[in-house]
Amino acid sequence: MKDKKSIATLLNHSDYRPLEGFEALPPAIHHASTVLFNNVAAMRSARWQDKSAYTYGLHGTPTTFTLEARLAEIEEGKHCILTPSGLAAIAMVNFGLLKSGDDVLIPDNVYGPSREMGNWLAQDWGISVRFYDPLIGSNIAGLIQSNTKLVWAETPGSVSMEVPDIPAISRAAHEKGVPLALDNTWSAGLAFNAFEHGADIVLQALTKYQSGGSDVLMGAVITRDDSIHHRIATAHGLLGFGVGPDDVYLVLRGLQNMKVRFDAHDAAAHKVAAWLKTRPEIAKVLHPAFDDCPGHDIWKRDFTGAGGLFSVLFDPRYAEEQTDRFVDSLQLFKIGYSWGGSHSLCVPYRMSSMRNYWLSEGNLVRFYIGLEDPQDLMADIEQALKKL
């Protein structure tokens, strides 16, 4: 090649290399679709499945590998794979472990889109999907069939707040050789050690507390077992689930103060929930830390905190249009799905359309307590209650 390059070439090829030795607290953001190899041999020998080499932006950069490693450390897992959303993480597990003719067990109180995915698997993919009582405990053994290949759990249910006995469910599943996948988003991996309580696959919606800003969509699947990880990693590659490095950086930044925020949400939510228990308009507060919440004894045994999410059942004398008016009358609480950010949220749910068996009376409303002053939040709720 000629020594002097043209401007067009110089704009794309430079001999300059930055000095080595730079170090700072924030991790670097690596933007890449194309990853460069030193030679053909390196290209041909690189394997993305075990993360022993960088192969393509879709399969990870130093930025994504850093977040995956930190999330695995938080959950005390070995492997972690990022996905574009929490729902994508659920899909990746299902498509990694299930095929036509298999059977999967899903709790009746599962996250709504996960339930819809289960119905889709049953309708279009030839997979048997059965929904079970989340408080079934060890009795789930009676539901496990020869073709059952996966048991899902969620602790607690993100709307109705039942706390399942994960150790009992996992023992029953493991005796039949079936792995347990657990959605551990409610505790952010901070207040419940999923692997130590028997989970084989742990799912996190990083959209929530890990981000903390209500501005990022991302999910993660964390495992310890190499063979399970390989199957899920294969699904990850074939499904093309990539995440952007700027979003990864935002989650990495959010991790630094996640524990402080989680504890603040927990304390504020407990205060607001305890006050709501005194209100005559509220028939029941569904908060796992309260002794009348289904599965409270399990929560007390296995958890170290509760975060900011809980639900209430209004007195049955109030019709849906009245509780809807209550939600519409709130000023500080905004109406919106998701949670984990600094702003308080409130959403009403029609439980009869979400559950196979729902016997409780009264309309359910879910609260997420943000980082506002709890006294201001209670005042907001009080003024809205007057408009029922």
Protein backbone atom coordinates (compact mmCIF):
# COMPACT_ATOMS: atom_id res chain seq x y z
CA MET A 1 0.00 0.00 0.00
CA LYS A 2 1.13 3.55 -0.57
CA ASP A 3 2.49 5.39 2.47
CA LYS A 4 0.19 8.37 2.18
CA LYS A 5 -3.47 7.49 2.58
CA SER A 6 -6.30 9.49 1.09
CA ILE A 7 -8.68 11.45 3.31
CA ALA A 8 -11.48 8.91 2.77
CA THR A 9 -9.21 6.13 3.98
CA LEU A 10 -7.83 8.14 6.90
CA LEU A 11 -11.36 8.77 8.13
CA ASN A 12 -11.77 5.02 8.57
CA HIS A 13 -8.23 3.77 9.30
CA SER A 14 -5.88 5.42 11.76
CA ASP A 15 -2.51 4.31 13.10
CA TYR A 16 -3.20 5.97 16.45
CA ARG A 17 -3.84 3.81 19.50
CA PRO A 18 -4.79 5.38 22.85
CA LEU A 19 -2.35 5.03 25.72
CA GLU A 20 -2.86 2.03 27.98
CA GLY A 21 -3.37 2.42 31.72
CA PHE A 22 -6.55 4.54 31.78
CA GLU A 23 -8.84 3.58 34.64
CA ALA A 24 -12.00 5.20 35.98
CA LEU A 25 -14.92 4.23 38.19
CA PRO A 26 -17.59 3.98 35.44
CA PRO A 27 -17.24 1.00 33.10
CA ALA A 28 -16.51 1.83 29.47
CA ILE A 29 -19.31 1.78 26.91
CA HIS A 30 -18.34 -0.36 23.93
CA HIS A 31 -20.50 0.20 20.84
CA ALA A 32 -20.06 -2.61 18.34
CA SER A 33 -21.87 -4.74 15.85
CA THR A 34 -18.70 -5.91 14.05
CA VAL A 35 -16.03 -7.39 16.32
CA LEU A 36 -12.49 -7.58 14.91
CA PHE A 37 -10.25 -10.66 15.08
CA ASN A 38 -6.45 -10.69 15.05
CA ASN A 39 -6.34 -13.38 12.37
CA VAL A 40 -8.41 -16.05 10.63
CA ALA A 41 -7.44 -18.70 13.17
CA ALA A 42 -8.80 -16.55 16.00
CA MET A 43 -12.01 -15.97 14.07
CA ARG A 44 -12.54 -19.68 13.41
CA SER A 45 -11.80 -20.79 16.96
CA ALA A 46 -13.94 -18.17 18.74
CA ARG A 47 -17.03 -19.50 20.53
CA TRP A 48 -19.67 -17.10 21.76
CA GLN A 49 -21.59 -19.64 23.85
CA ASP A 50 -19.04 -19.79 26.68
CA LYS A 51 -18.01 -16.12 26.44
CA SER A 52 -14.36 -17.09 26.03
CA ALA A 53 -14.06 -14.68 23.10
CA TYR A 54 -15.80 -11.70 21.52
CA THR A 55 -17.40 -12.69 18.23
CA TYR A 56 -20.21 -10.28 17.34
CA GLY A 57 -21.93 -7.37 19.03
CA LEU A 58 -25.10 -9.39 19.45
CA HIS A 59 -23.27 -11.88 21.65
CA GLY A 60 -21.64 -9.34 23.93
CA THR A 61 -18.99 -6.71 24.45
CA PRO A 62 -16.93 -5.85 27.54
CA THR A 63 -19.83 -3.62 28.63
CA THR A 64 -22.45 -6.37 28.54
CA PHE A 65 -20.08 -8.96 30.00
CA THR A 66 -19.47 -6.63 32.95
CA LEU A 67 -23.17 -6.26 33.73
CA GLU A 68 -23.75 -9.99 33.36
CA ALA A 69 -20.91 -10.76 35.76
CA ARG A 70 -22.21 -8.33 38.37
CA LEU A 71 -25.76 -9.66 38.18
CA ALA A 72 -24.49 -13.22 38.58
CA GLU A 73 -22.55 -12.11 41.66
CA ILE A 74 -25.64 -10.49 43.21
CA GLU A 75 -27.70 -13.68 42.74
CA GLU A 76 -24.72 -15.93 43.63
CA GLY A 77 -25.02 -17.58 40.22
CA LYS A 78 -22.40 -18.59 37.67
CA HIS A 79 -23.78 -17.55 34.26
CA CYS A 80 -25.89 -14.59 33.16
CA ILE A 81 -27.44 -13.66 29.81
CA LEU A 82 -29.03 -10.29 29.05
CA THR A 83 -32.24 -9.87 27.04
CA PRO A 84 -34.13 -6.83 25.68
CA SER A 85 -36.84 -7.15 28.37
CA GLY A 86 -38.03 -9.29 31.25
CA LEU A 87 -40.58 -10.92 28.97
CA ALA A 88 -37.83 -11.74 26.47
CA ALA A 89 -35.99 -13.49 29.30
CA ILE A 90 -39.07 -15.63 29.99
CA ALA A 91 -39.35 -16.45 26.28
CA MET A 92 -35.68 -17.39 26.10
CA VAL A 93 -36.06 -19.89 28.95
CA ASN A 94 -39.19 -21.41 27.43
CA PHE A 95 -37.68 -21.79 23.97
CA GLY A 96 -34.41 -23.04 25.38
CA LEU A 97 -35.93 -25.83 27.47
CA LEU A 98 -39.27 -26.74 25.87
CA LYS A 99 -40.32 -28.39 22.62
CA SER A 100 -43.52 -29.77 21.14
CA GLY A 101 -44.94 -32.56 23.29
CA ASP A 102 -43.43 -31.23 26.53
CA ASP A 103 -45.39 -30.08 29.57
CA VAL A 104 -44.75 -26.97 31.69
CA LEU A 105 -46.28 -25.92 35.02
CA ILE A 106 -46.95 -22.22 35.61
CA PRO A 107 -48.37 -20.65 38.81
CA ASP A 108 -51.87 -19.24 38.53
CA ASN A 109 -50.70 -15.87 39.87
CA VAL A 110 -47.90 -15.44 37.34
CA TYR A 111 -46.99 -12.14 35.66
CA GLY A 112 -49.73 -11.48 33.08
CA PRO A 113 -47.63 -11.55 29.86
CA SER A 114 -45.99 -14.78 31.06
CA ARG A 115 -49.43 -16.31 31.37
CA GLU A 116 -50.31 -15.12 27.88
CA MET A 117 -47.11 -16.67 26.56
CA GLY A 118 -48.07 -19.94 28.20
CA ASN A 119 -51.42 -19.86 26.44
CA TRP A 120 -49.61 -19.18 23.16
CA LEU A 121 -47.25 -22.12 23.69
CA ALA A 122 -50.26 -24.35 24.25
CA GLN A 123 -52.22 -23.03 21.28
CA ASP A 124 -49.54 -22.83 18.59
CA TRP A 125 -46.51 -24.82 19.72
CA GLY A 126 -47.93 -28.15 20.89
CA ILE A 127 -46.75 -27.70 24.47
CA SER A 128 -48.97 -28.73 27.37
CA VAL A 129 -49.34 -25.79 29.77
CA ARG A 130 -50.99 -26.18 33.16
CA PHE A 131 -51.55 -23.51 35.80
CA TYR A 132 -51.21 -24.49 39.44
CA ASP A 133 -52.13 -23.02 42.84
CA PRO A 134 -49.12 -20.87 43.86
CA LEU A 135 -49.51 -22.04 47.47
CA ILE A 136 -49.41 -25.73 46.53
CA GLY A 137 -45.99 -26.34 48.07
CA SER A 138 -44.75 -29.94 48.01
CA ASN A 139 -48.10 -31.13 46.63
CA ILE A 140 -46.91 -30.00 43.22
CA ALA A 141 -45.31 -33.44 43.01
CA GLY A 142 -48.73 -34.81 42.13
CA LEU A 143 -48.89 -32.58 39.05
CA ILE A 144 -45.49 -33.46 37.58
CA GLN A 145 -45.84 -35.84 34.62
CA SER A 146 -43.29 -37.83 32.66
CA ASN A 147 -43.26 -35.11 29.98
CA THR A 148 -43.02 -32.17 32.43
CA LYS A 149 -39.79 -30.42 31.52
CA LEU A 150 -40.05 -27.13 33.40
CA VAL A 151 -41.72 -25.66 36.49
CA TRP A 152 -42.11 -21.90 36.73
CA ALA A 153 -42.55 -19.96 39.98
CA GLU A 154 -42.82 -16.31 40.96
CA THR A 155 -42.24 -15.05 44.48
CA PRO A 156 -44.45 -13.38 45.39
CA GLY A 157 -47.11 -13.03 42.71
CA SER A 158 -46.58 -9.52 41.38
CA VAL A 159 -50.28 -8.58 41.65
CA SER A 160 -51.95 -10.81 44.25
CA MET A 161 -48.80 -11.19 46.40
CA GLU A 162 -49.05 -14.85 47.48
CA VAL A 163 -45.65 -16.12 48.64
CA PRO A 164 -44.98 -19.71 47.45
CA ASP A 165 -42.85 -22.24 49.30
CA ILE A 166 -39.96 -22.30 46.84
CA PRO A 167 -37.85 -24.88 48.74
CA ALA A 168 -40.79 -27.32 48.84
CA ILE A 169 -41.63 -26.80 45.17
CA SER A 170 -38.00 -27.17 44.12
CA ARG A 171 -37.52 -30.39 46.11
CA ALA A 172 -40.60 -31.92 44.51
CA ALA A 173 -39.45 -30.86 41.03
CA HIS A 174 -35.88 -32.06 41.53
CA GLU A 175 -37.06 -35.48 42.74
CA LYS A 176 -38.68 -35.84 39.32
CA GLY A 177 -35.63 -34.41 37.50
CA VAL A 178 -37.39 -31.18 36.51
CA PRO A 179 -35.69 -27.75 36.77
CA LEU A 180 -37.33 -24.82 38.54
CA ALA A 181 -37.30 -21.38 36.90
CA LEU A 182 -38.02 -18.52 39.29
CA ASP A 183 -39.02 -14.93 38.54
CA ASN A 184 -37.17 -13.16 41.37
CA THR A 185 -37.88 -9.61 40.21
CA TRP A 186 -39.91 -8.52 43.26
CA SER A 187 -36.90 -8.84 45.57
CA ALA A 188 -34.33 -7.74 42.94
CA GLY A 189 -32.10 -10.57 44.15
CA LEU A 190 -31.49 -8.53 47.32
CA ALA A 191 -34.11 -9.92 49.69
CA PHE A 192 -34.34 -13.53 48.52
CA ASN A 193 -31.51 -15.91 47.63
CA ALA A 194 -33.13 -17.89 44.85
CA PHE A 195 -30.42 -20.49 44.26
CA GLU A 196 -29.98 -21.29 47.94
CA HIS A 197 -33.73 -21.89 48.14
CA GLY A 198 -33.70 -24.34 45.24
CA ALA A 199 -34.10 -22.44 41.97
CA ASP A 200 -32.17 -23.66 38.91
CA ILE A 201 -32.90 -20.64 36.72
CA VAL A 202 -33.37 -17.11 38.07
CA LEU A 203 -35.03 -14.37 36.06
CA GLN A 204 -34.80 -10.65 36.66
CA ALA A 205 -36.63 -7.82 34.90
CA LEU A 206 -33.82 -5.25 35.01
CA THR A 207 -36.43 -2.72 33.94
CA LYS A 208 -37.34 -2.47 37.63
CA TYR A 209 -35.03 -1.77 40.60
CA GLN A 210 -31.77 -2.45 38.76
CA SER A 211 -32.44 0.45 36.41
CA GLY A 212 -34.26 2.59 38.95
CA GLY A 213 -35.11 5.28 36.44
CA SER A 214 -38.22 3.99 34.63
CA ASP A 215 -36.32 4.51 31.40
CA VAL A 216 -34.76 1.16 30.45
CA LEU A 217 -36.16 -2.16 29.21
CA MET A 218 -33.96 -5.17 29.92
CA GLY A 219 -34.02 -8.66 31.40
CA ALA A 220 -31.56 -11.26 32.63
CA VAL A 221 -31.44 -15.02 33.07
CA ILE A 222 -28.98 -16.31 35.66
CA THR A 223 -27.96 -19.95 36.14
CA ARG A 224 -25.41 -22.13 37.90
CA ASP A 225 -25.67 -25.34 35.90
CA ASP A 226 -23.47 -25.41 32.77
CA SER A 227 -25.80 -27.61 30.71
CA ILE A 228 -28.87 -25.47 31.44
CA HIS A 229 -26.89 -22.35 30.63
CA HIS A 230 -25.76 -23.81 27.31
CA ARG A 231 -29.34 -24.57 26.24
CA ILE A 232 -30.54 -21.09 27.19
CA ALA A 233 -27.49 -19.47 25.56
CA THR A 234 -28.24 -21.35 22.35
CA ALA A 235 -31.80 -20.00 22.38
CA HIS A 236 -30.40 -16.52 23.07
CA GLY A 237 -28.20 -16.69 19.97
CA LEU A 238 -30.84 -18.17 17.69
CA LEU A 239 -33.52 -15.72 18.81
CA GLY A 240 -31.18 -12.77 18.26
CA PHE A 241 -31.73 -11.18 21.66
CA GLY A 242 -29.26 -8.31 21.85
CA VAL A 243 -29.15 -5.28 24.15
CA GLY A 244 -27.71 -1.84 23.50
CA PRO A 245 -24.56 -0.78 25.38
CA ASP A 246 -26.00 2.57 26.44
CA ASP A 247 -28.90 0.82 28.18
CA VAL A 248 -26.45 -1.62 29.76
CA TYR A 249 -24.48 1.32 31.12
CA LEU A 250 -27.64 2.82 32.67
CA VAL A 251 -28.32 -0.44 34.50
CA LEU A 252 -24.70 -0.67 35.64
CA ARG A 253 -25.02 2.85 37.02
CA GLY A 254 -28.29 1.95 38.76
CA LEU A 255 -26.75 -1.02 40.54
CA GLN A 256 -24.49 1.24 42.59
CA ASN A 257 -27.32 2.59 44.75
CA MET A 258 -29.93 -0.16 44.25
CA LYS A 259 -29.70 -1.50 47.81
CA VAL A 260 -30.18 1.96 49.33
CA ARG A 261 -33.19 2.61 47.08
CA PHE A 262 -34.69 -0.83 47.73
CA ASP A 263 -34.51 -0.33 51.50
CA ALA A 264 -36.08 3.14 51.18
CA HIS A 265 -38.94 1.77 49.07
CA ASP A 266 -39.39 -1.04 51.61
CA ALA A 267 -39.63 1.29 54.62
CA ALA A 268 -41.99 3.71 52.90
CA ALA A 269 -44.24 0.95 51.53
CA HIS A 270 -44.52 -0.65 54.96
CA LYS A 271 -45.59 2.66 56.46
CA VAL A 272 -48.21 3.35 53.76
CA ALA A 273 -49.52 -0.23 53.82
CA ALA A 274 -49.87 -0.20 57.63
CA TRP A 275 -51.87 3.04 57.39
CA LEU A 276 -54.11 1.56 54.67
CA LYS A 277 -54.94 -1.34 57.01
CA THR A 278 -56.62 1.17 59.31
CA ARG A 279 -58.85 2.57 56.60
CA PRO A 280 -62.49 1.36 56.57
CA GLU A 281 -62.54 1.51 52.75
CA ILE A 282 -59.88 -1.22 52.55
CA ALA A 283 -60.92 -4.81 53.25
CA LYS A 284 -57.41 -6.29 53.08
CA VAL A 285 -53.83 -5.27 52.46
CA LEU A 286 -51.88 -7.83 50.43
CA HIS A 287 -48.34 -7.18 51.62
CA PRO A 288 -46.11 -10.23 52.25
CA ALA A 289 -44.64 -8.69 55.42
CA PHE A 290 -48.10 -8.60 57.03
CA ASP A 291 -49.26 -11.73 58.84
CA ASP A 292 -52.60 -11.99 57.03
CA CYS A 293 -51.06 -12.06 53.54
CA PRO A 294 -51.16 -15.55 51.94
CA GLY A 295 -47.75 -17.12 52.41
CA HIS A 296 -46.56 -14.63 55.05
CA ASP A 297 -44.94 -17.40 57.11
CA ILE A 298 -42.90 -18.38 54.06
CA TRP A 299 -41.88 -14.75 53.50
CA LYS A 300 -40.85 -14.42 57.15
CA ARG A 301 -38.77 -17.59 56.90
CA ASP A 302 -37.07 -16.96 53.55
CA PHE A 303 -36.96 -13.19 52.88
CA THR A 304 -35.02 -10.28 54.35
CA GLY A 305 -37.08 -7.44 52.86
CA ALA A 306 -40.11 -6.52 50.81
CA GLY A 307 -39.44 -3.56 48.54
CA GLY A 308 -42.12 -1.13 47.43
CA LEU A 309 -44.83 -3.22 45.73
CA PHE A 310 -48.08 -4.40 47.36
CA SER A 311 -51.83 -4.55 46.66
CA VAL A 312 -55.09 -3.86 48.48
CA LEU A 313 -58.62 -5.21 48.24
CA PHE A 314 -61.31 -2.57 48.58
CA ASP A 315 -64.40 -3.26 50.63
CA PRO A 316 -66.88 -5.19 48.41
CA ARG A 317 -69.44 -2.42 48.80
CA TYR A 318 -67.47 -0.34 46.30
CA ALA A 319 -68.20 -0.98 42.64
CA GLU A 320 -65.49 -0.95 39.98
CA GLU A 321 -66.42 2.51 38.76
CA GLN A 322 -65.88 3.80 42.30
CA THR A 323 -62.41 2.28 42.74
CA ASP A 324 -61.53 3.45 39.24
CA ARG A 325 -62.58 6.95 40.33
CA PHE A 326 -60.28 6.59 43.33
CA VAL A 327 -57.32 5.78 41.07
CA ASP A 328 -58.18 8.62 38.70
CA SER A 329 -58.35 11.03 41.65
CA LEU A 330 -54.80 10.36 42.82
CA GLN A 331 -52.35 13.16 42.12
CA LEU A 332 -48.91 11.98 43.22
CA PHE A 333 -49.53 8.37 42.22
CA LYS A 334 -49.44 7.94 38.45
CA ILE A 335 -51.29 5.24 36.51
CA GLY A 336 -48.78 2.97 34.80
CA TYR A 337 -47.42 -0.55 34.59
CA SER A 338 -43.98 -1.59 35.70
CA TRP A 339 -42.31 -0.25 38.85
CA GLY A 340 -38.87 0.09 40.40
CA GLY A 341 -38.39 3.80 39.68
CA SER A 342 -38.59 6.78 42.01
CA HIS A 343 -42.21 7.70 41.19
CA SER A 344 -45.19 6.08 42.93
CA LEU A 345 -47.67 4.19 40.76
CA CYS A 346 -51.17 2.75 41.12
CA VAL A 347 -53.01 0.29 38.85
CA PRO A 348 -56.43 -1.39 39.24
CA TYR A 349 -56.77 -5.02 38.12
CA ARG A 350 -59.70 -7.19 37.10
CA MET A 351 -58.67 -10.37 38.88
CA SER A 352 -61.47 -12.56 37.54
CA SER A 353 -60.01 -12.22 34.04
CA MET A 354 -56.46 -12.94 35.23
CA ARG A 355 -56.91 -16.02 37.40
CA ASN A 356 -58.54 -19.42 36.96
CA TYR A 357 -59.66 -19.37 40.57
CA TRP A 358 -60.11 -16.07 42.36
CA LEU A 359 -62.43 -16.17 45.37
CA SER A 360 -61.59 -12.92 47.15
CA GLU A 361 -64.22 -10.19 47.06
CA GLY A 362 -63.51 -6.54 46.45
CA ASN A 363 -61.65 -4.77 43.66
CA LEU A 364 -57.87 -5.10 43.70
CA VAL A 365 -55.61 -2.09 43.32
CA ARG A 366 -51.82 -2.41 43.25
CA PHE A 367 -49.58 0.28 44.72
CA TYR A 368 -45.93 0.89 44.07
CA ILE A 369 -44.39 3.24 46.63
CA GLY A 370 -41.68 5.43 45.17
CA LEU A 371 -39.21 7.76 46.87
CA GLU A 372 -41.64 10.56 47.73
CA ASP A 373 -42.38 11.40 51.37
CA PRO A 374 -44.79 8.73 52.72
CA GLN A 375 -46.82 11.41 54.53
CA ASP A 376 -47.50 13.14 51.22
CA LEU A 377 -48.45 9.83 49.62
CA MET A 378 -50.89 9.03 52.43
CA ALA A 379 -52.43 12.47 52.12
CA ASP A 380 -52.89 11.87 48.40
CA ILE A 381 -54.57 8.53 49.03
CA GLU A 382 -56.81 10.08 51.68
CA GLN A 383 -58.09 12.83 49.39
CA ALA A 384 -58.78 10.23 46.67
CA LEU A 385 -60.64 7.97 49.10
CA LYS A 386 -63.03 10.82 49.81
CA LYS A 387 -64.04 10.70 46.14
CA LEU A 388 -65.04 7.05 46.09
